[in-house]
Amino acid sequence: MDLRVYYRKIREAEKMIGGDFAVVVSQETPDGGRAGVTTEVPRSIAAKMLVEGKARPATLEEAQQHHKRAAELLRQAKEQEARERVHLTVISDSEMRSLKNSNRGKQ
């Protein structure tokens, strides 16, 4: 393959992609690539994947579904992180002594 032609195709594909990122849908490849997996990648990587036949541009509907799934996964991850967060309360020495003294009086 002529490298000049290869890189010219990549530059042309990159010009056709709007924005800094693009959602692409993977194609089945002989080296084990699975078809139908959506991914959001930088424009330069998307152009390379398109030229190499490893992916195709996602339709508007596929891109919207991908963004919805990504937003839902992010929400779930944030909820999980919040559940696992350790809550601490810092108190002064005088507050600690008063708590100890109040507990002694209750016994």
N, C-alpha and C. Protein backbone atom coordinates (compact mmCIF):
# COMPACT_ATOMS: atom_id res chain seq x y z
N MET A 1 0.84 -1.18 0.00
CA MET A 1 0.00 0.00 0.00
C MET A 1 0.89 1.24 0.00
N ASP A 2 0.50 2.19 -0.82
CA ASP A 2 1.22 3.47 -0.90
C ASP A 2 0.85 4.30 0.33
N LEU A 3 1.83 4.63 1.13
CA LEU A 3 1.58 5.38 2.37
C LEU A 3 1.02 6.77 2.12
N ARG A 4 1.42 7.40 1.01
CA ARG A 4 0.87 8.73 0.71
C ARG A 4 -0.62 8.66 0.47
N VAL A 5 -1.06 7.64 -0.24
CA VAL A 5 -2.49 7.45 -0.50
C VAL A 5 -3.23 7.15 0.81
N TYR A 6 -2.64 6.30 1.62
CA TYR A 6 -3.23 5.91 2.91
C TYR A 6 -3.45 7.15 3.78
N TYR A 7 -2.42 7.95 3.95
CA TYR A 7 -2.55 9.13 4.81
C TYR A 7 -3.44 10.21 4.20
N ARG A 8 -3.47 10.30 2.86
CA ARG A 8 -4.38 11.24 2.22
C ARG A 8 -5.83 10.85 2.50
N LYS A 9 -6.11 9.54 2.44
CA LYS A 9 -7.46 9.05 2.75
C LYS A 9 -7.84 9.36 4.19
N ILE A 10 -6.88 9.19 5.10
CA ILE A 10 -7.15 9.50 6.51
C ILE A 10 -7.44 10.98 6.68
N ARG A 11 -6.66 11.86 6.04
CA ARG A 11 -6.91 13.31 6.15
C ARG A 11 -8.27 13.68 5.57
N GLU A 12 -8.65 13.06 4.46
CA GLU A 12 -9.95 13.33 3.85
C GLU A 12 -11.09 12.87 4.75
N ALA A 13 -10.93 11.69 5.33
CA ALA A 13 -11.96 11.18 6.25
C ALA A 13 -12.06 12.07 7.47
N GLU A 14 -10.93 12.57 7.97
CA GLU A 14 -10.92 13.43 9.15
C GLU A 14 -11.65 14.74 8.87
N LYS A 15 -11.51 15.26 7.66
CA LYS A 15 -12.20 16.50 7.29
C LYS A 15 -13.72 16.31 7.26
N MET A 16 -14.17 15.11 6.94
CA MET A 16 -15.61 14.86 6.84
C MET A 16 -16.26 14.66 8.20
N ILE A 17 -15.44 14.42 9.24
CA ILE A 17 -15.97 14.20 10.59
C ILE A 17 -16.11 15.55 11.27
N GLY A 18 -17.32 15.87 11.70
CA GLY A 18 -17.55 17.13 12.41
C GLY A 18 -17.25 16.98 13.88
N GLY A 19 -16.68 17.99 14.48
CA GLY A 19 -16.41 17.96 15.91
C GLY A 19 -15.09 17.29 16.24
N ASP A 20 -14.73 17.32 17.51
CA ASP A 20 -13.47 16.74 17.96
C ASP A 20 -13.56 15.23 18.18
N PHE A 21 -14.78 14.73 18.41
CA PHE A 21 -14.98 13.31 18.67
C PHE A 21 -16.08 12.78 17.76
N ALA A 22 -16.03 11.48 17.51
CA ALA A 22 -17.03 10.84 16.66
C ALA A 22 -17.42 9.50 17.26
N VAL A 23 -18.69 9.15 17.09
CA VAL A 23 -19.15 7.83 17.52
C VAL A 23 -19.08 6.92 16.29
N VAL A 24 -18.38 5.80 16.45
CA VAL A 24 -18.25 4.84 15.36
C VAL A 24 -18.78 3.49 15.82
N VAL A 25 -19.15 2.67 14.84
CA VAL A 25 -19.65 1.33 15.11
C VAL A 25 -18.65 0.36 14.51
N SER A 26 -18.16 -0.56 15.32
CA SER A 26 -17.13 -1.49 14.86
C SER A 26 -17.68 -2.44 13.80
N GLN A 27 -16.78 -2.90 12.95
CA GLN A 27 -17.07 -3.89 11.93
C GLN A 27 -16.36 -5.18 12.32
N GLU A 28 -16.87 -6.29 11.86
CA GLU A 28 -16.18 -7.56 12.11
C GLU A 28 -14.90 -7.58 11.29
N THR A 29 -13.81 -7.99 11.93
CA THR A 29 -12.53 -8.04 11.24
C THR A 29 -11.92 -9.43 11.38
N PRO A 30 -11.02 -9.79 10.48
CA PRO A 30 -10.40 -11.12 10.53
C PRO A 30 -9.56 -11.34 11.80
N ASP A 31 -9.10 -10.25 12.42
CA ASP A 31 -8.27 -10.40 13.61
C ASP A 31 -9.09 -10.44 14.90
N GLY A 32 -10.40 -10.68 14.79
CA GLY A 32 -11.23 -10.87 15.98
C GLY A 32 -12.10 -9.70 16.36
N GLY A 33 -12.13 -8.64 15.57
CA GLY A 33 -12.97 -7.49 15.88
C GLY A 33 -14.45 -7.86 15.85
N ARG A 34 -15.20 -7.40 16.86
CA ARG A 34 -16.63 -7.71 16.95
C ARG A 34 -17.43 -6.60 16.28
N ALA A 35 -18.44 -6.98 15.55
CA ALA A 35 -19.28 -6.01 14.86
C ALA A 35 -20.34 -5.44 15.81
N GLY A 36 -20.68 -4.17 15.60
CA GLY A 36 -21.80 -3.57 16.31
C GLY A 36 -21.49 -2.90 17.62
N VAL A 37 -20.22 -2.77 18.01
CA VAL A 37 -19.86 -2.11 19.26
C VAL A 37 -19.65 -0.62 18.99
N THR A 38 -20.42 0.23 19.70
CA THR A 38 -20.26 1.67 19.52
C THR A 38 -19.20 2.21 20.46
N THR A 39 -18.43 3.17 19.93
CA THR A 39 -17.35 3.77 20.71
C THR A 39 -17.23 5.23 20.29
N GLU A 40 -16.94 6.09 21.26
CA GLU A 40 -16.67 7.49 20.95
C GLU A 40 -15.16 7.69 21.00
N VAL A 41 -14.60 8.13 19.88
CA VAL A 41 -13.15 8.27 19.77
C VAL A 41 -12.80 9.64 19.19
N PRO A 42 -11.54 10.09 19.39
CA PRO A 42 -11.11 11.34 18.77
C PRO A 42 -11.22 11.25 17.25
N ARG A 43 -11.39 12.40 16.63
CA ARG A 43 -11.59 12.47 15.18
C ARG A 43 -10.48 11.76 14.41
N SER A 44 -9.22 11.92 14.82
CA SER A 44 -8.11 11.30 14.09
C SER A 44 -8.18 9.77 14.14
N ILE A 45 -8.54 9.23 15.28
CA ILE A 45 -8.65 7.77 15.40
C ILE A 45 -9.86 7.26 14.63
N ALA A 46 -10.95 8.01 14.67
CA ALA A 46 -12.14 7.61 13.91
C ALA A 46 -11.82 7.55 12.42
N ALA A 47 -11.10 8.55 11.92
CA ALA A 47 -10.75 8.57 10.50
C ALA A 47 -9.90 7.36 10.13
N LYS A 48 -8.95 7.02 10.98
CA LYS A 48 -8.09 5.86 10.72
C LYS A 48 -8.91 4.57 10.72
N MET A 49 -9.83 4.43 11.68
CA MET A 49 -10.66 3.23 11.74
C MET A 49 -11.55 3.11 10.50
N LEU A 50 -12.07 4.24 10.03
CA LEU A 50 -12.92 4.23 8.84
C LEU A 50 -12.13 3.80 7.61
N VAL A 51 -10.95 4.38 7.43
CA VAL A 51 -10.11 4.08 6.26
C VAL A 51 -9.68 2.61 6.27
N GLU A 52 -9.38 2.09 7.46
CA GLU A 52 -8.92 0.70 7.56
C GLU A 52 -10.07 -0.31 7.51
N GLY A 53 -11.31 0.18 7.49
CA GLY A 53 -12.46 -0.71 7.42
C GLY A 53 -12.79 -1.39 8.74
N LYS A 54 -12.28 -0.85 9.84
CA LYS A 54 -12.53 -1.44 11.15
C LYS A 54 -13.81 -0.89 11.78
N ALA A 55 -14.31 0.20 11.23
CA ALA A 55 -15.53 0.81 11.79
C ALA A 55 -16.25 1.59 10.70
N ARG A 56 -17.48 1.94 11.01
CA ARG A 56 -18.27 2.79 10.14
C ARG A 56 -18.84 3.90 11.02
N PRO A 57 -19.21 5.03 10.42
CA PRO A 57 -19.81 6.10 11.24
C PRO A 57 -21.14 5.64 11.82
N ALA A 58 -21.41 6.03 13.04
CA ALA A 58 -22.68 5.68 13.67
C ALA A 58 -23.78 6.56 13.10
N THR A 59 -24.98 6.00 13.00
CA THR A 59 -26.12 6.81 12.60
C THR A 59 -26.47 7.74 13.76
N LEU A 60 -27.32 8.71 13.50
CA LEU A 60 -27.72 9.65 14.54
C LEU A 60 -28.37 8.90 15.70
N GLU A 61 -29.23 7.93 15.39
CA GLU A 61 -29.90 7.14 16.42
C GLU A 61 -28.90 6.32 17.24
N GLU A 62 -27.94 5.69 16.57
CA GLU A 62 -26.92 4.91 17.27
C GLU A 62 -26.08 5.80 18.19
N ALA A 63 -25.74 6.98 17.71
CA ALA A 63 -24.94 7.91 18.53
C ALA A 63 -25.73 8.36 19.75
N GLN A 64 -27.02 8.64 19.57
CA GLN A 64 -27.85 9.05 20.71
C GLN A 64 -27.96 7.93 21.73
N GLN A 65 -28.15 6.71 21.28
CA GLN A 65 -28.22 5.56 22.19
C GLN A 65 -26.90 5.38 22.92
N HIS A 66 -25.80 5.56 22.22
CA HIS A 66 -24.48 5.43 22.84
C HIS A 66 -24.32 6.47 23.95
N HIS A 67 -24.70 7.71 23.68
CA HIS A 67 -24.57 8.78 24.67
C HIS A 67 -25.49 8.54 25.87
N LYS A 68 -26.68 8.01 25.62
CA LYS A 68 -27.59 7.69 26.72
C LYS A 68 -27.00 6.60 27.61
N ARG A 69 -26.45 5.55 26.99
CA ARG A 69 -25.82 4.48 27.77
C ARG A 69 -24.63 5.00 28.57
N ALA A 70 -23.82 5.85 27.95
CA ALA A 70 -22.66 6.40 28.64
C ALA A 70 -23.08 7.26 29.82
N ALA A 71 -24.14 8.06 29.64
CA ALA A 71 -24.62 8.90 30.74
C ALA A 71 -25.17 8.05 31.87
N GLU A 72 -25.87 6.97 31.54
CA GLU A 72 -26.42 6.09 32.57
C GLU A 72 -25.29 5.38 33.33
N LEU A 73 -24.28 4.92 32.63
CA LEU A 73 -23.14 4.26 33.29
C LEU A 73 -22.40 5.24 34.19
N LEU A 74 -22.26 6.49 33.76
CA LEU A 74 -21.61 7.50 34.58
C LEU A 74 -22.42 7.77 35.84
N ARG A 75 -23.74 7.87 35.70
CA ARG A 75 -24.61 8.09 36.85
C ARG A 75 -24.49 6.94 37.85
N GLN A 76 -24.49 5.70 37.34
CA GLN A 76 -24.36 4.54 38.22
C GLN A 76 -23.01 4.53 38.93
N ALA A 77 -21.96 4.90 38.23
CA ALA A 77 -20.62 4.93 38.84
C ALA A 77 -20.55 5.98 39.94
N LYS A 78 -21.16 7.14 39.71
CA LYS A 78 -21.17 8.19 40.73
C LYS A 78 -21.97 7.77 41.95
N GLU A 79 -23.09 7.09 41.74
CA GLU A 79 -23.89 6.59 42.86
C GLU A 79 -23.10 5.57 43.67
N GLN A 80 -22.42 4.66 42.98
CA GLN A 80 -21.61 3.65 43.65
C GLN A 80 -20.50 4.31 44.46
N GLU A 81 -19.87 5.29 43.87
CA GLU A 81 -18.79 6.01 44.57
C GLU A 81 -19.33 6.70 45.82
N ALA A 82 -20.50 7.30 45.71
CA ALA A 82 -21.10 7.97 46.86
C ALA A 82 -21.44 6.97 47.97
N ARG A 83 -21.91 5.78 47.59
CA ARG A 83 -22.23 4.76 48.59
C ARG A 83 -20.99 4.26 49.31
N GLU A 84 -19.88 4.22 48.61
CA GLU A 84 -18.65 3.68 49.19
C GLU A 84 -17.83 4.73 49.94
N ARG A 85 -18.22 5.97 49.82
CA ARG A 85 -17.47 7.05 50.45
C ARG A 85 -17.59 6.94 51.98
N VAL A 86 -16.50 7.13 52.67
CA VAL A 86 -16.46 7.08 54.12
C VAL A 86 -16.77 8.48 54.64
N HIS A 87 -17.71 8.57 55.58
CA HIS A 87 -18.09 9.86 56.15
C HIS A 87 -17.41 10.02 57.51
N LEU A 88 -16.70 11.11 57.67
CA LEU A 88 -16.00 11.39 58.91
C LEU A 88 -16.48 12.73 59.48
N THR A 89 -16.44 12.82 60.78
CA THR A 89 -16.75 14.07 61.44
C THR A 89 -15.57 14.43 62.32
N VAL A 90 -15.05 15.63 62.14
CA VAL A 90 -13.92 16.09 62.92
C VAL A 90 -14.45 16.92 64.08
N ILE A 91 -14.00 16.56 65.30
CA ILE A 91 -14.42 17.33 66.48
C ILE A 91 -13.18 17.75 67.26
N SER A 92 -13.32 18.83 67.99
CA SER A 92 -12.19 19.35 68.75
C SER A 92 -12.01 18.53 70.03
N ASP A 93 -10.85 18.73 70.69
CA ASP A 93 -10.58 18.04 71.96
C ASP A 93 -11.63 18.38 73.01
N SER A 94 -12.02 19.65 73.07
CA SER A 94 -13.00 20.06 74.09
C SER A 94 -14.35 19.40 73.84
N GLU A 95 -14.74 19.26 72.58
CA GLU A 95 -15.99 18.58 72.26
C GLU A 95 -15.91 17.11 72.64
N MET A 96 -14.76 16.51 72.43
CA MET A 96 -14.57 15.10 72.77
C MET A 96 -14.68 14.90 74.28
N ARG A 97 -14.05 15.80 75.05
CA ARG A 97 -14.12 15.70 76.51
C ARG A 97 -15.55 15.86 76.99
N SER A 98 -16.28 16.82 76.41
CA SER A 98 -17.67 17.04 76.85
C SER A 98 -18.54 15.83 76.50
N LEU A 99 -18.29 15.18 75.37
CA LEU A 99 -19.03 13.98 75.01
C LEU A 99 -18.72 12.84 76.00
N LYS A 100 -17.43 12.70 76.35
CA LYS A 100 -17.05 11.67 77.31
C LYS A 100 -17.69 11.93 78.68
N ASN A 101 -17.67 13.21 79.10
CA ASN A 101 -18.23 13.56 80.39
C ASN A 101 -19.75 13.35 80.40
N SER A 102 -20.43 13.66 79.32
CA SER A 102 -21.87 13.48 79.28
C SER A 102 -22.23 11.99 79.29
N ASN A 103 -21.40 11.15 78.68
CA ASN A 103 -21.64 9.70 78.69
C ASN A 103 -21.40 9.12 80.08
N ARG A 104 -20.44 9.68 80.82
CA ARG A 104 -20.16 9.18 82.18
C ARG A 104 -21.32 9.50 83.11
N GLY A 105 -21.94 10.67 82.89
CA GLY A 105 -23.06 11.07 83.74
C GLY A 105 -24.29 10.20 83.50
N LYS A 106 -24.42 9.61 82.33
CA LYS A 106 -25.59 8.76 81.99
C LYS A 106 -25.46 7.38 82.58
N GLN A 107 -24.27 6.95 82.92
CA GLN A 107 -24.06 5.58 83.41
C GLN A 107 -24.40 5.44 84.81
